[in-house]
Amino acid sequence: MLITEKQLIDDLKASKYKPVYLLTGEENYYIDHASALFEQNIVDEGFRDFDLIVLYGKETDMSTVLSHAKQFPMMSPVKVVLVKEAQDIPTKEWELLADYLQHPLPQTLLVFCYRNKKLDKRSKAYKAINDNGCIYEHAKLYDNQLPDWIGTFVNKHGHTITQKGSVLIAEYLGNDLSKIENELSKVFISLNPGDVINEDIIERNIGISKDYNVFELQNAIGRRNVVQCNRIVNHFTANPKDNPIQKILPSLYGYFIKIMTYLQQPDKNDTKSVASALGINPYFIRDYATAAQNYSLGKLASCIGYLYEADLKSKGIHNSGSITDGEILKELVFKIIH
């Protein structure tokens, strides 16, 4: 059966074990965290050399996995057989698991970490796992879901974060939840209980400039603030490693698409509906309303064309090699705001 993270944690705390668990989905962060629950919390630390078996899909096969699963625990009430990178076990071998699950050993928890893809739901193995065990699956988070995820993560650790701070981290670190967790963990060390994480704290601890970042560039473009645009672009040009054009162009593309979406909303006063359509927090609606006053649909279409040209040049196409990424960015922003 399919279970949520909360159900999984609650069951393990209550020692309500199933003979088999499939941890799967496109978001490896959740697979890793669920895997750690089995690795660190089921078998007492002093007994793990005996009753915690960790295998890797590339280095094992299903027969070996099941051989371990059929052996009784030596010291602990239960035994955990944890198979990481289970997607590397050949597909044809998974039928052996279906046979084992007809009469599984109750004292064994068999855990498969199946990353980056899914076990065929039509297979005998998947059906057997669904009937006899638990399936924990988590989809990849969309980029527009990251700020809310960051806010929730920070709240769980006894702090809050500004809306702008969440967006800055999401834009800077991208859709890598493990990396976001690591960077925020560094921030938590310097905080007192209940502290609010703002842009100044983020700049000091993570290194994201509160004044010179893609988010501020978007806002400057939206307001057609020529001076601010030039300041930010000059900063990017002087610090290309921290602000690669390959990260800036996709962000600007998404920004223009959101403005186009805003312009086409039938009721722009319905903040909740508009925010949902744009995939943003309602807090930022006013920024898009301002941009929509400065850019028509036709101009936005041209801007997307400029982005396409800049992308080609940054990859060496239509570029003799004498134009740097900084110069490409300066030309792009000039065309956009004029």
C-alpha atoms as a PDB file:
ATOM      1  CA  MET A   1       0.000   0.000   0.000  1.00  0.00           C
ATOM      2  CA  LEU A   2       1.056   3.591  -0.552  1.00  0.00           C
ATOM      3  CA  ILE A   3       2.008   5.499   2.598  1.00  0.00           C
ATOM      4  CA  THR A   4       2.961   9.061   3.478  1.00  0.00           C
ATOM      5  CA  GLU A   5       6.117  10.171   5.268  1.00  0.00           C
ATOM      6  CA  LYS A   6       4.130  10.712   8.478  1.00  0.00           C
ATOM      7  CA  GLN A   7       2.592   7.231   8.291  1.00  0.00           C
ATOM      8  CA  LEU A   8       6.013   5.702   7.730  1.00  0.00           C
ATOM      9  CA  ILE A   9       7.550   7.517  10.703  1.00  0.00           C
ATOM     10  CA  ASP A  10       4.585   6.750  12.982  1.00  0.00           C
ATOM     11  CA  ASP A  11       4.602   3.049  12.080  1.00  0.00           C
ATOM     12  CA  LEU A  12       8.327   2.652  12.646  1.00  0.00           C
ATOM     13  CA  LYS A  13       8.137   4.454  15.997  1.00  0.00           C
ATOM     14  CA  ALA A  14       5.326   2.109  17.028  1.00  0.00           C
ATOM     15  CA  SER A  15       7.287  -0.944  15.774  1.00  0.00           C
ATOM     16  CA  LYS A  16       4.522  -1.711  13.284  1.00  0.00           C
ATOM     17  CA  TYR A  17       6.718  -3.375  10.701  1.00  0.00           C
ATOM     18  CA  LYS A  18       5.978  -4.757   7.239  1.00  0.00           C
ATOM     19  CA  PRO A  19       8.092  -7.448   5.563  1.00  0.00           C
ATOM     20  CA  VAL A  20       8.981  -5.200   2.623  1.00  0.00           C
ATOM     21  CA  TYR A  21       9.283  -1.487   1.860  1.00  0.00           C
ATOM     22  CA  LEU A  22       9.802   0.197  -1.503  1.00  0.00           C
ATOM     23  CA  LEU A  23      11.231   3.727  -1.246  1.00  0.00           C
ATOM     24  CA  THR A  24      10.943   5.222  -4.696  1.00  0.00           C
ATOM     25  CA  GLY A  25      10.263   8.299  -6.805  1.00  0.00           C
ATOM     26  CA  GLU A  26      12.097  11.092  -8.591  1.00  0.00           C
ATOM     27  CA  GLU A  27      13.033  13.021  -5.446  1.00  0.00           C
ATOM     28  CA  ASN A  28      16.118  11.325  -4.010  1.00  0.00           C
ATOM     29  CA  TYR A  29      16.128  13.572  -0.944  1.00  0.00           C
ATOM     30  CA  TYR A  30      13.064  11.805   0.462  1.00  0.00           C
ATOM     31  CA  ILE A  31      14.402   8.357  -0.399  1.00  0.00           C
ATOM     32  CA  ASP A  32      17.625   9.143   1.464  1.00  0.00           C
ATOM     33  CA  HIS A  33      15.772  10.402   4.525  1.00  0.00           C
ATOM     34  CA  ALA A  34      13.445   7.410   4.628  1.00  0.00           C
ATOM     35  CA  SER A  35      16.402   5.064   4.138  1.00  0.00           C
ATOM     36  CA  ALA A  36      18.142   6.668   7.123  1.00  0.00           C
ATOM     37  CA  LEU A  37      15.121   5.881   9.303  1.00  0.00           C
ATOM     38  CA  PHE A  38      15.647   2.169   8.703  1.00  0.00           C
ATOM     39  CA  GLU A  39      19.428   2.351   8.905  1.00  0.00           C
ATOM     40  CA  GLN A  40      19.649   4.328  12.142  1.00  0.00           C
ATOM     41  CA  ASN A  41      16.515   3.601  14.162  1.00  0.00           C
ATOM     42  CA  ILE A  42      15.403  -0.031  13.864  1.00  0.00           C
ATOM     43  CA  VAL A  43      18.409  -2.080  14.991  1.00  0.00           C
ATOM     44  CA  ASP A  44      20.230  -0.935  18.138  1.00  0.00           C
ATOM     45  CA  GLU A  45      23.673   0.470  17.352  1.00  0.00           C
ATOM     46  CA  GLY A  46      25.462  -2.333  19.208  1.00  0.00           C
ATOM     47  CA  PHE A  47      23.722  -5.000  17.119  1.00  0.00           C
ATOM     48  CA  ARG A  48      24.060  -3.423  13.665  1.00  0.00           C
ATOM     49  CA  ASP A  49      27.127  -5.438  12.708  1.00  0.00           C
ATOM     50  CA  PHE A  50      24.955  -8.533  13.029  1.00  0.00           C
ATOM     51  CA  ASP A  51      21.418  -7.510  12.056  1.00  0.00           C
ATOM     52  CA  LEU A  52      21.761  -4.577   9.648  1.00  0.00           C
ATOM     53  CA  ILE A  53      22.716  -5.672   6.139  1.00  0.00           C
ATOM     54  CA  VAL A  54      23.384  -2.898   3.596  1.00  0.00           C
ATOM     55  CA  LEU A  55      23.679  -3.953  -0.042  1.00  0.00           C
ATOM     56  CA  TYR A  56      24.022  -2.050  -3.324  1.00  0.00           C
ATOM     57  CA  GLY A  57      22.169  -2.915  -6.508  1.00  0.00           C
ATOM     58  CA  LYS A  58      25.253  -2.870  -8.738  1.00  0.00           C
ATOM     59  CA  GLU A  59      27.135  -5.182  -6.409  1.00  0.00           C
ATOM     60  CA  THR A  60      24.461  -7.748  -5.635  1.00  0.00           C
ATOM     61  CA  ASP A  61      21.554  -9.693  -7.127  1.00  0.00           C
ATOM     62  CA  MET A  62      18.077 -10.587  -5.925  1.00  0.00           C
ATOM     63  CA  SER A  63      19.075 -14.110  -4.922  1.00  0.00           C
ATOM     64  CA  THR A  64      21.696 -12.722  -2.544  1.00  0.00           C
ATOM     65  CA  VAL A  65      19.261 -10.161  -1.158  1.00  0.00           C
ATOM     66  CA  LEU A  66      16.660 -12.824  -0.444  1.00  0.00           C
ATOM     67  CA  SER A  67      19.250 -15.132   1.065  1.00  0.00           C
ATOM     68  CA  HIS A  68      19.925 -12.480   3.701  1.00  0.00           C
ATOM     69  CA  ALA A  69      16.200 -11.832   4.125  1.00  0.00           C
ATOM     70  CA  LYS A  70      15.539 -15.510   4.935  1.00  0.00           C
ATOM     71  CA  GLN A  71      18.092 -15.598   7.768  1.00  0.00           C
ATOM     72  CA  PHE A  72      16.818 -14.950  11.288  1.00  0.00           C
ATOM     73  CA  PRO A  73      18.256 -12.022  13.252  1.00  0.00           C
ATOM     74  CA  MET A  74      21.165 -12.886  15.524  1.00  0.00           C
ATOM     75  CA  MET A  75      20.925 -10.306  18.311  1.00  0.00           C
ATOM     76  CA  SER A  76      18.027  -7.957  17.588  1.00  0.00           C
ATOM     77  CA  PRO A  77      14.277  -8.717  17.576  1.00  0.00           C
ATOM     78  CA  VAL A  78      14.228  -7.777  13.893  1.00  0.00           C
ATOM     79  CA  LYS A  79      16.722  -7.683  11.061  1.00  0.00           C
ATOM     80  CA  VAL A  80      16.974  -4.975   8.384  1.00  0.00           C
ATOM     81  CA  VAL A  81      18.160  -5.789   4.872  1.00  0.00           C
ATOM     82  CA  LEU A  82      18.611  -2.423   3.146  1.00  0.00           C
ATOM     83  CA  VAL A  83      19.207  -2.421  -0.608  1.00  0.00           C
ATOM     84  CA  LYS A  84      20.469   0.917  -1.924  1.00  0.00           C
ATOM     85  CA  GLU A  85      20.433   1.725  -5.654  1.00  0.00           C
ATOM     86  CA  ALA A  86      17.961  -1.138  -6.061  1.00  0.00           C
ATOM     87  CA  GLN A  87      17.073   0.049  -9.574  1.00  0.00           C
ATOM     88  CA  ASP A  88      20.384  -1.505 -10.711  1.00  0.00           C
ATOM     89  CA  ILE A  89      19.153  -5.023  -9.973  1.00  0.00           C
ATOM     90  CA  PRO A  90      18.150  -6.554 -13.347  1.00  0.00           C
ATOM     91  CA  THR A  91      14.394  -6.382 -13.981  1.00  0.00           C
ATOM     92  CA  LYS A  92      14.002 -10.099 -14.626  1.00  0.00           C
ATOM     93  CA  GLU A  93      15.313 -10.923 -11.128  1.00  0.00           C
ATOM     94  CA  TRP A  94      12.518  -9.034  -9.364  1.00  0.00           C
ATOM     95  CA  GLU A  95      10.103 -11.932  -9.897  1.00  0.00           C
ATOM     96  CA  LEU A  96      12.072 -13.802  -7.219  1.00  0.00           C
ATOM     97  CA  LEU A  97      10.909 -11.163  -4.742  1.00  0.00           C
ATOM     98  CA  ALA A  98       7.275 -11.887  -5.563  1.00  0.00           C
ATOM     99  CA  ASP A  99       7.880 -15.555  -4.758  1.00  0.00           C
ATOM    100  CA  TYR A 100       9.577 -14.702  -1.445  1.00  0.00           C
ATOM    101  CA  LEU A 101       6.721 -12.422  -0.379  1.00  0.00           C
ATOM    102  CA  GLN A 102       4.279 -15.322  -0.506  1.00  0.00           C
ATOM    103  CA  HIS A 103       5.907 -16.507   2.757  1.00  0.00           C
ATOM    104  CA  PRO A 104       8.190 -13.713   4.052  1.00  0.00           C
ATOM    105  CA  LEU A 105      10.176 -14.024   7.262  1.00  0.00           C
ATOM    106  CA  PRO A 106       8.307 -11.841   9.816  1.00  0.00           C
ATOM    107  CA  GLN A 107      11.529 -10.919  11.622  1.00  0.00           C
ATOM    108  CA  THR A 108      13.063  -9.319   8.500  1.00  0.00           C
ATOM    109  CA  LEU A 109      12.425  -5.821   7.167  1.00  0.00           C
ATOM    110  CA  LEU A 110      13.426  -5.831   3.502  1.00  0.00           C
ATOM    111  CA  VAL A 111      13.921  -2.262   2.234  1.00  0.00           C
ATOM    112  CA  PHE A 112      14.541  -1.270  -1.393  1.00  0.00           C
ATOM    113  CA  CYS A 113      15.731   2.238  -2.359  1.00  0.00           C
ATOM    114  CA  TYR A 114      14.674   2.580  -5.994  1.00  0.00           C
ATOM    115  CA  ARG A 115      16.001   5.922  -7.254  1.00  0.00           C
ATOM    116  CA  ASN A 116      15.289   8.173 -10.251  1.00  0.00           C
ATOM    117  CA  LYS A 117      12.761   5.845 -11.819  1.00  0.00           C
ATOM    118  CA  LYS A 118       9.862   3.588 -10.911  1.00  0.00           C
ATOM    119  CA  LEU A 119       9.376  -0.137 -10.643  1.00  0.00           C
ATOM    120  CA  ASP A 120       6.851  -1.264 -13.253  1.00  0.00           C
ATOM    121  CA  LYS A 121       3.442  -1.206 -11.549  1.00  0.00           C
ATOM    122  CA  ARG A 122       2.299  -4.066 -13.801  1.00  0.00           C
ATOM    123  CA  SER A 123       5.048  -6.366 -12.563  1.00  0.00           C
ATOM    124  CA  LYS A 124       4.507  -9.223 -10.131  1.00  0.00           C
ATOM    125  CA  ALA A 125       7.073  -7.710  -7.792  1.00  0.00           C
ATOM    126  CA  TYR A 126       5.318  -4.346  -7.545  1.00  0.00           C
ATOM    127  CA  LYS A 127       1.948  -5.969  -6.945  1.00  0.00           C
ATOM    128  CA  ALA A 128       3.458  -8.243  -4.287  1.00  0.00           C
ATOM    129  CA  ILE A 129       5.046  -5.283  -2.514  1.00  0.00           C
ATOM    130  CA  ASN A 130       1.777  -3.364  -2.664  1.00  0.00           C
ATOM    131  CA  ASP A 131      -0.150  -6.318  -1.209  1.00  0.00           C
ATOM    132  CA  ASN A 132       2.348  -7.313   1.494  1.00  0.00           C
ATOM    133  CA  GLY A 133       4.280  -4.179   2.350  1.00  0.00           C
ATOM    134  CA  CYS A 134       4.512  -0.415   1.968  1.00  0.00           C
ATOM    135  CA  ILE A 135       5.380   1.839  -0.953  1.00  0.00           C
ATOM    136  CA  TYR A 136       6.729   5.288  -0.131  1.00  0.00           C
ATOM    137  CA  GLU A 137       6.888   7.466  -3.233  1.00  0.00           C
ATOM    138  CA  HIS A 138       7.617  11.166  -3.568  1.00  0.00           C
ATOM    139  CA  ALA A 139       7.468  13.164  -6.787  1.00  0.00           C
ATOM    140  CA  LYS A 140      10.069  15.762  -7.743  1.00  0.00           C
ATOM    141  CA  LEU A 141       9.231  19.216  -6.445  1.00  0.00           C
ATOM    142  CA  TYR A 142       8.531  21.874  -9.039  1.00  0.00           C
ATOM    143  CA  ASP A 143      10.666  25.025  -8.850  1.00  0.00           C
ATOM    144  CA  ASN A 144       7.658  27.081  -7.785  1.00  0.00           C
ATOM    145  CA  GLN A 145       7.153  24.763  -4.798  1.00  0.00           C
ATOM    146  CA  LEU A 146      10.663  25.309  -3.431  1.00  0.00           C
ATOM    147  CA  PRO A 147      10.058  28.551  -1.468  1.00  0.00           C
ATOM    148  CA  ASP A 148       7.157  26.964   0.442  1.00  0.00           C
ATOM    149  CA  TRP A 149       9.248  23.824   1.084  1.00  0.00           C
ATOM    150  CA  ILE A 150      12.056  26.000   2.424  1.00  0.00           C
ATOM    151  CA  GLY A 151       9.624  27.839   4.704  1.00  0.00           C
ATOM    152  CA  THR A 152       8.251  24.582   6.086  1.00  0.00           C
ATOM    153  CA  PHE A 153      11.738  23.144   6.603  1.00  0.00           C
ATOM    154  CA  VAL A 154      12.841  26.255   8.492  1.00  0.00           C
ATOM    155  CA  ASN A 155       9.679  26.167  10.650  1.00  0.00           C
ATOM    156  CA  LYS A 156      10.405  22.554  11.649  1.00  0.00           C
ATOM    157  CA  HIS A 157      13.715  23.761  13.085  1.00  0.00           C
ATOM    158  CA  GLY A 158      12.113  26.449  15.230  1.00  0.00           C
ATOM    159  CA  HIS A 159      12.666  29.459  12.985  1.00  0.00           C
ATOM    160  CA  THR A 160      10.922  31.457  10.295  1.00  0.00           C
ATOM    161  CA  ILE A 161      12.210  32.904   7.030  1.00  0.00           C
ATOM    162  CA  THR A 162      11.115  35.900   5.011  1.00  0.00           C
ATOM    163  CA  GLN A 163       9.292  35.291   1.736  1.00  0.00           C
ATOM    164  CA  LYS A 164      12.068  37.013  -0.175  1.00  0.00           C
ATOM    165  CA  GLY A 165      14.655  34.928   1.652  1.00  0.00           C
ATOM    166  CA  SER A 166      12.945  31.707   0.583  1.00  0.00           C
ATOM    167  CA  VAL A 167      12.901  32.837  -3.034  1.00  0.00           C
ATOM    168  CA  LEU A 168      16.562  33.892  -2.925  1.00  0.00           C
ATOM    169  CA  ILE A 169      17.657  30.480  -1.668  1.00  0.00           C
ATOM    170  CA  ALA A 170      15.463  28.667  -4.188  1.00  0.00           C
ATOM    171  CA  GLU A 171      16.815  30.735  -7.076  1.00  0.00           C
ATOM    172  CA  TYR A 172      20.440  30.450  -5.948  1.00  0.00           C
ATOM    173  CA  LEU A 173      20.621  26.775  -4.962  1.00  0.00           C
ATOM    174  CA  GLY A 174      18.109  25.350  -7.430  1.00  0.00           C
ATOM    175  CA  ASN A 175      16.054  22.190  -7.057  1.00  0.00           C
ATOM    176  CA  ASP A 176      18.531  20.283  -4.886  1.00  0.00           C
ATOM    177  CA  LEU A 177      16.851  19.668  -1.529  1.00  0.00           C
ATOM    178  CA  SER A 178      19.913  18.070   0.041  1.00  0.00           C
ATOM    179  CA  LYS A 179      22.031  21.099  -0.830  1.00  0.00           C
ATOM    180  CA  ILE A 180      19.362  23.452   0.532  1.00  0.00           C
ATOM    181  CA  GLU A 181      19.190  21.431   3.761  1.00  0.00           C
ATOM    182  CA  ASN A 182      22.980  21.534   4.166  1.00  0.00           C
ATOM    183  CA  GLU A 183      23.182  25.295   3.647  1.00  0.00           C
ATOM    184  CA  LEU A 184      20.293  26.039   6.002  1.00  0.00           C
ATOM    185  CA  SER A 185      21.786  23.754   8.635  1.00  0.00           C
ATOM    186  CA  LYS A 186      24.838  26.030   8.647  1.00  0.00           C
ATOM    187  CA  VAL A 187      22.552  29.022   9.152  1.00  0.00           C
ATOM    188  CA  PHE A 188      20.734  27.403  12.096  1.00  0.00           C
ATOM    189  CA  ILE A 189      23.992  27.091  14.035  1.00  0.00           C
ATOM    190  CA  SER A 190      24.335  30.877  14.311  1.00  0.00           C
ATOM    191  CA  LEU A 191      20.712  31.536  15.307  1.00  0.00           C
ATOM    192  CA  ASN A 192      18.888  31.809  18.598  1.00  0.00           C
ATOM    193  CA  PRO A 193      15.565  29.956  19.015  1.00  0.00           C
ATOM    194  CA  GLY A 194      12.784  31.713  17.125  1.00  0.00           C
ATOM    195  CA  ASP A 195      15.069  33.950  15.050  1.00  0.00           C
ATOM    196  CA  VAL A 196      13.824  35.095  11.652  1.00  0.00           C
ATOM    197  CA  ILE A 197      16.097  34.323   8.716  1.00  0.00           C
ATOM    198  CA  ASN A 198      16.250  37.416   6.525  1.00  0.00           C
ATOM    199  CA  GLU A 199      18.289  38.448   3.506  1.00  0.00           C
ATOM    200  CA  ASP A 200      21.165  39.810   5.617  1.00  0.00           C
ATOM    201  CA  ILE A 201      21.544  36.502   7.467  1.00  0.00           C
ATOM    202  CA  ILE A 202      21.391  34.600   4.170  1.00  0.00           C
ATOM    203  CA  GLU A 203      24.090  36.803   2.669  1.00  0.00           C
ATOM    204  CA  ARG A 204      26.413  36.354   5.673  1.00  0.00           C
ATOM    205  CA  ASN A 205      25.979  32.600   6.004  1.00  0.00           C
ATOM    206  CA  ILE A 206      25.252  31.301   2.498  1.00  0.00           C
ATOM    207  CA  GLY A 207      26.877  33.998   0.398  1.00  0.00           C
ATOM    208  CA  ILE A 208      23.829  35.051  -1.605  1.00  0.00           C
ATOM    209  CA  SER A 209      23.980  38.804  -2.159  1.00  0.00           C
ATOM    210  CA  LYS A 210      20.746  40.460  -1.086  1.00  0.00           C
ATOM    211  CA  ASP A 211      21.255  43.240  -3.642  1.00  0.00           C
ATOM    212  CA  TYR A 212      22.865  41.461  -6.586  1.00  0.00           C
ATOM    213  CA  ASN A 213      20.946  38.327  -7.517  1.00  0.00           C
ATOM    214  CA  VAL A 214      18.611  37.084 -10.234  1.00  0.00           C
ATOM    215  CA  PHE A 215      15.546  37.939  -8.149  1.00  0.00           C
ATOM    216  CA  GLU A 216      16.623  41.599  -7.886  1.00  0.00           C
ATOM    217  CA  LEU A 217      17.491  41.652 -11.597  1.00  0.00           C
ATOM    218  CA  GLN A 218      13.975  40.443 -12.423  1.00  0.00           C
ATOM    219  CA  ASN A 219      12.425  43.168 -10.293  1.00  0.00           C
ATOM    220  CA  ALA A 220      14.649  45.834 -11.841  1.00  0.00           C
ATOM    221  CA  ILE A 221      13.690  44.620 -15.316  1.00  0.00           C
ATOM    222  CA  GLY A 222      10.017  44.574 -14.317  1.00  0.00           C
ATOM    223  CA  ARG A 223      10.240  48.202 -13.201  1.00  0.00           C
ATOM    224  CA  ARG A 224      12.435  49.079 -16.194  1.00  0.00           C
ATOM    225  CA  ASN A 225      14.899  50.585 -13.762  1.00  0.00           C
ATOM    226  CA  VAL A 226      17.851  51.141 -16.066  1.00  0.00           C
ATOM    227  CA  VAL A 227      20.305  52.191 -13.354  1.00  0.00           C
ATOM    228  CA  GLN A 228      19.567  49.198 -11.126  1.00  0.00           C
ATOM    229  CA  CYS A 229      19.685  46.792 -14.075  1.00  0.00           C
ATOM    230  CA  ASN A 230      23.105  48.074 -15.065  1.00  0.00           C
ATOM    231  CA  ARG A 231      24.430  47.795 -11.491  1.00  0.00           C
ATOM    232  CA  ILE A 232      23.324  44.198 -11.177  1.00  0.00           C
ATOM    233  CA  VAL A 233      24.551  43.190 -14.634  1.00  0.00           C
ATOM    234  CA  ASN A 234      27.931  44.808 -13.973  1.00  0.00           C
ATOM    235  CA  HIS A 235      28.180  42.878 -10.710  1.00  0.00           C
ATOM    236  CA  PHE A 236      27.311  39.631 -12.510  1.00  0.00           C
ATOM    237  CA  THR A 237      29.888  40.382 -15.191  1.00  0.00           C
ATOM    238  CA  ALA A 238      32.559  40.993 -12.546  1.00  0.00           C
ATOM    239  CA  ASN A 239      31.663  37.749 -10.726  1.00  0.00           C
ATOM    240  CA  PRO A 240      30.892  35.247 -13.501  1.00  0.00           C
ATOM    241  CA  LYS A 241      31.573  32.132 -11.409  1.00  0.00           C
ATOM    242  CA  ASP A 242      28.954  33.127  -8.853  1.00  0.00           C
ATOM    243  CA  ASN A 243      26.478  34.277 -11.495  1.00  0.00           C
ATOM    244  CA  PRO A 244      26.812  32.084 -14.598  1.00  0.00           C
ATOM    245  CA  ILE A 245      24.694  33.121 -17.528  1.00  0.00           C
ATOM    246  CA  GLN A 246      23.457  29.523 -17.828  1.00  0.00           C
ATOM    247  CA  LYS A 247      21.586  30.029 -14.530  1.00  0.00           C
ATOM    248  CA  ILE A 248      20.371  33.537 -15.293  1.00  0.00           C
ATOM    249  CA  LEU A 249      18.728  32.849 -18.671  1.00  0.00           C
ATOM    250  CA  PRO A 250      16.316  30.103 -17.482  1.00  0.00           C
ATOM    251  CA  SER A 251      15.265  32.289 -14.541  1.00  0.00           C
ATOM    252  CA  LEU A 252      14.501  35.223 -16.838  1.00  0.00           C
ATOM    253  CA  TYR A 253      12.588  32.940 -19.183  1.00  0.00           C
ATOM    254  CA  GLY A 254      10.395  31.731 -16.325  1.00  0.00           C
ATOM    255  CA  TYR A 255       9.914  35.327 -15.209  1.00  0.00           C
ATOM    256  CA  PHE A 256       8.647  36.481 -18.602  1.00  0.00           C
ATOM    257  CA  ILE A 257       6.330  33.505 -18.908  1.00  0.00           C
ATOM    258  CA  LYS A 258       4.795  34.438 -15.552  1.00  0.00           C
ATOM    259  CA  ILE A 259       4.241  38.040 -16.684  1.00  0.00           C
ATOM    260  CA  MET A 260       2.535  36.739 -19.839  1.00  0.00           C
ATOM    261  CA  THR A 261       0.375  34.480 -17.693  1.00  0.00           C
ATOM    262  CA  TYR A 262      -0.529  37.409 -15.446  1.00  0.00           C
ATOM    263  CA  LEU A 263      -1.571  39.558 -18.411  1.00  0.00           C
ATOM    264  CA  GLN A 264      -3.973  36.849 -19.548  1.00  0.00           C
ATOM    265  CA  GLN A 265      -5.746  36.368 -16.209  1.00  0.00           C
ATOM    266  CA  PRO A 266      -9.472  37.216 -16.468  1.00  0.00           C
ATOM    267  CA  ASP A 267      -9.695  38.599 -12.906  1.00  0.00           C
ATOM    268  CA  LYS A 268      -6.447  40.146 -11.757  1.00  0.00           C
ATOM    269  CA  ASN A 269      -8.043  41.171  -8.448  1.00  0.00           C
ATOM    270  CA  ASP A 270      -8.465  37.517  -7.477  1.00  0.00           C
ATOM    271  CA  THR A 271      -5.070  37.292  -5.806  1.00  0.00           C
ATOM    272  CA  LYS A 272      -5.374  33.646  -4.823  1.00  0.00           C
ATOM    273  CA  SER A 273      -6.358  32.513  -8.310  1.00  0.00           C
ATOM    274  CA  VAL A 274      -3.673  34.614 -10.000  1.00  0.00           C
ATOM    275  CA  ALA A 275      -0.977  33.383  -7.622  1.00  0.00           C
ATOM    276  CA  SER A 276      -2.016  29.795  -8.322  1.00  0.00           C
ATOM    277  CA  ALA A 277      -1.893  30.358 -12.091  1.00  0.00           C
ATOM    278  CA  LEU A 278       1.596  31.869 -11.825  1.00  0.00           C
ATOM    279  CA  GLY A 279       2.817  29.293  -9.320  1.00  0.00           C
ATOM    280  CA  ILE A 280       4.023  31.948  -6.880  1.00  0.00           C
ATOM    281  CA  ASN A 281       3.290  33.163  -3.371  1.00  0.00           C
ATOM    282  CA  PRO A 282       0.563  35.880  -3.324  1.00  0.00           C
ATOM    283  CA  TYR A 283       3.099  38.136  -1.615  1.00  0.00           C
ATOM    284  CA  PHE A 284       4.850  38.659  -4.974  1.00  0.00           C
ATOM    285  CA  ILE A 285       1.756  39.430  -7.085  1.00  0.00           C
ATOM    286  CA  ARG A 286       2.367  43.185  -6.864  1.00  0.00           C
ATOM    287  CA  ASP A 287       5.777  42.775  -8.533  1.00  0.00           C
ATOM    288  CA  TYR A 288       4.189  41.047 -11.509  1.00  0.00           C
ATOM    289  CA  ALA A 289       1.403  43.629 -11.641  1.00  0.00           C
ATOM    290  CA  THR A 290       4.053  46.348 -11.942  1.00  0.00           C
ATOM    291  CA  ALA A 291       5.910  44.442 -14.666  1.00  0.00           C
ATOM    292  CA  ALA A 292       2.668  43.831 -16.565  1.00  0.00           C
ATOM    293  CA  GLN A 293       2.181  47.603 -16.798  1.00  0.00           C
ATOM    294  CA  ASN A 294       5.578  47.969 -18.446  1.00  0.00           C
ATOM    295  CA  TYR A 295       5.522  45.038 -20.870  1.00  0.00           C
ATOM    296  CA  SER A 296       2.922  44.118 -23.475  1.00  0.00           C
ATOM    297  CA  LEU A 297       2.446  40.571 -24.723  1.00  0.00           C
ATOM    298  CA  GLY A 298       4.214  41.555 -27.932  1.00  0.00           C
ATOM    299  CA  LYS A 299       7.218  42.954 -26.072  1.00  0.00           C
ATOM    300  CA  LEU A 300       7.367  39.863 -23.863  1.00  0.00           C
ATOM    301  CA  ALA A 301       7.409  37.643 -26.952  1.00  0.00           C
ATOM    302  CA  SER A 302      10.353  39.694 -28.228  1.00  0.00           C
ATOM    303  CA  CYS A 303      12.099  39.323 -24.871  1.00  0.00           C
ATOM    304  CA  ILE A 304      11.825  35.551 -25.101  1.00  0.00           C
ATOM    305  CA  GLY A 305      13.343  35.806 -28.566  1.00  0.00           C
ATOM    306  CA  TYR A 306      16.234  37.820 -27.123  1.00  0.00           C
ATOM    307  CA  LEU A 307      16.768  35.111 -24.512  1.00  0.00           C
ATOM    308  CA  TYR A 308      16.905  32.462 -27.228  1.00  0.00           C
ATOM    309  CA  GLU A 309      19.538  34.464 -29.111  1.00  0.00           C
ATOM    310  CA  ALA A 310      21.575  34.992 -25.936  1.00  0.00           C
ATOM    311  CA  ASP A 311      21.395  31.281 -25.124  1.00  0.00           C
ATOM    312  CA  LEU A 312      22.752  30.377 -28.556  1.00  0.00           C
ATOM    313  CA  LYS A 313      25.585  32.895 -28.243  1.00  0.00           C
ATOM    314  CA  SER A 314      26.501  31.616 -24.768  1.00  0.00           C
ATOM    315  CA  LYS A 315      26.868  28.151 -26.318  1.00  0.00           C
ATOM    316  CA  GLY A 316      29.130  29.409 -29.085  1.00  0.00           C
ATOM    317  CA  ILE A 317      26.453  29.534 -31.801  1.00  0.00           C
ATOM    318  CA  HIS A 318      26.335  32.797 -33.790  1.00  0.00           C
ATOM    319  CA  ASN A 319      29.302  33.856 -31.708  1.00  0.00           C
ATOM    320  CA  SER A 320      32.797  34.110 -33.111  1.00  0.00           C
ATOM    321  CA  GLY A 321      34.176  33.548 -29.639  1.00  0.00           C
ATOM    322  CA  SER A 322      35.136  37.163 -29.026  1.00  0.00           C
ATOM    323  CA  ILE A 323      31.923  37.997 -27.104  1.00  0.00           C
ATOM    324  CA  THR A 324      32.027  37.094 -23.418  1.00  0.00           C
ATOM    325  CA  ASP A 325      29.065  35.927 -21.356  1.00  0.00           C
ATOM    326  CA  GLY A 326      29.109  39.280 -19.578  1.00  0.00           C
ATOM    327  CA  GLU A 327      28.798  41.143 -22.862  1.00  0.00           C
ATOM    328  CA  ILE A 328      26.018  38.815 -23.976  1.00  0.00           C
ATOM    329  CA  LEU A 329      24.137  39.544 -20.749  1.00  0.00           C
ATOM    330  CA  LYS A 330      24.612  43.307 -21.078  1.00  0.00           C
ATOM    331  CA  GLU A 331      23.303  43.256 -24.645  1.00  0.00           C
ATOM    332  CA  LEU A 332      20.347  41.083 -23.586  1.00  0.00           C
ATOM    333  CA  VAL A 333      19.239  43.345 -20.741  1.00  0.00           C
ATOM    334  CA  PHE A 334      19.665  46.450 -22.902  1.00  0.00           C
ATOM    335  CA  LYS A 335      17.312  44.974 -25.536  1.00  0.00           C
ATOM    336  CA  ILE A 336      14.804  43.914 -22.881  1.00  0.00           C
ATOM    337  CA  ILE A 337      14.454  47.264 -21.085  1.00  0.00           C
ATOM    338  CA  HIS A 338      14.612  49.532 -24.140  1.00  0.00           C
END
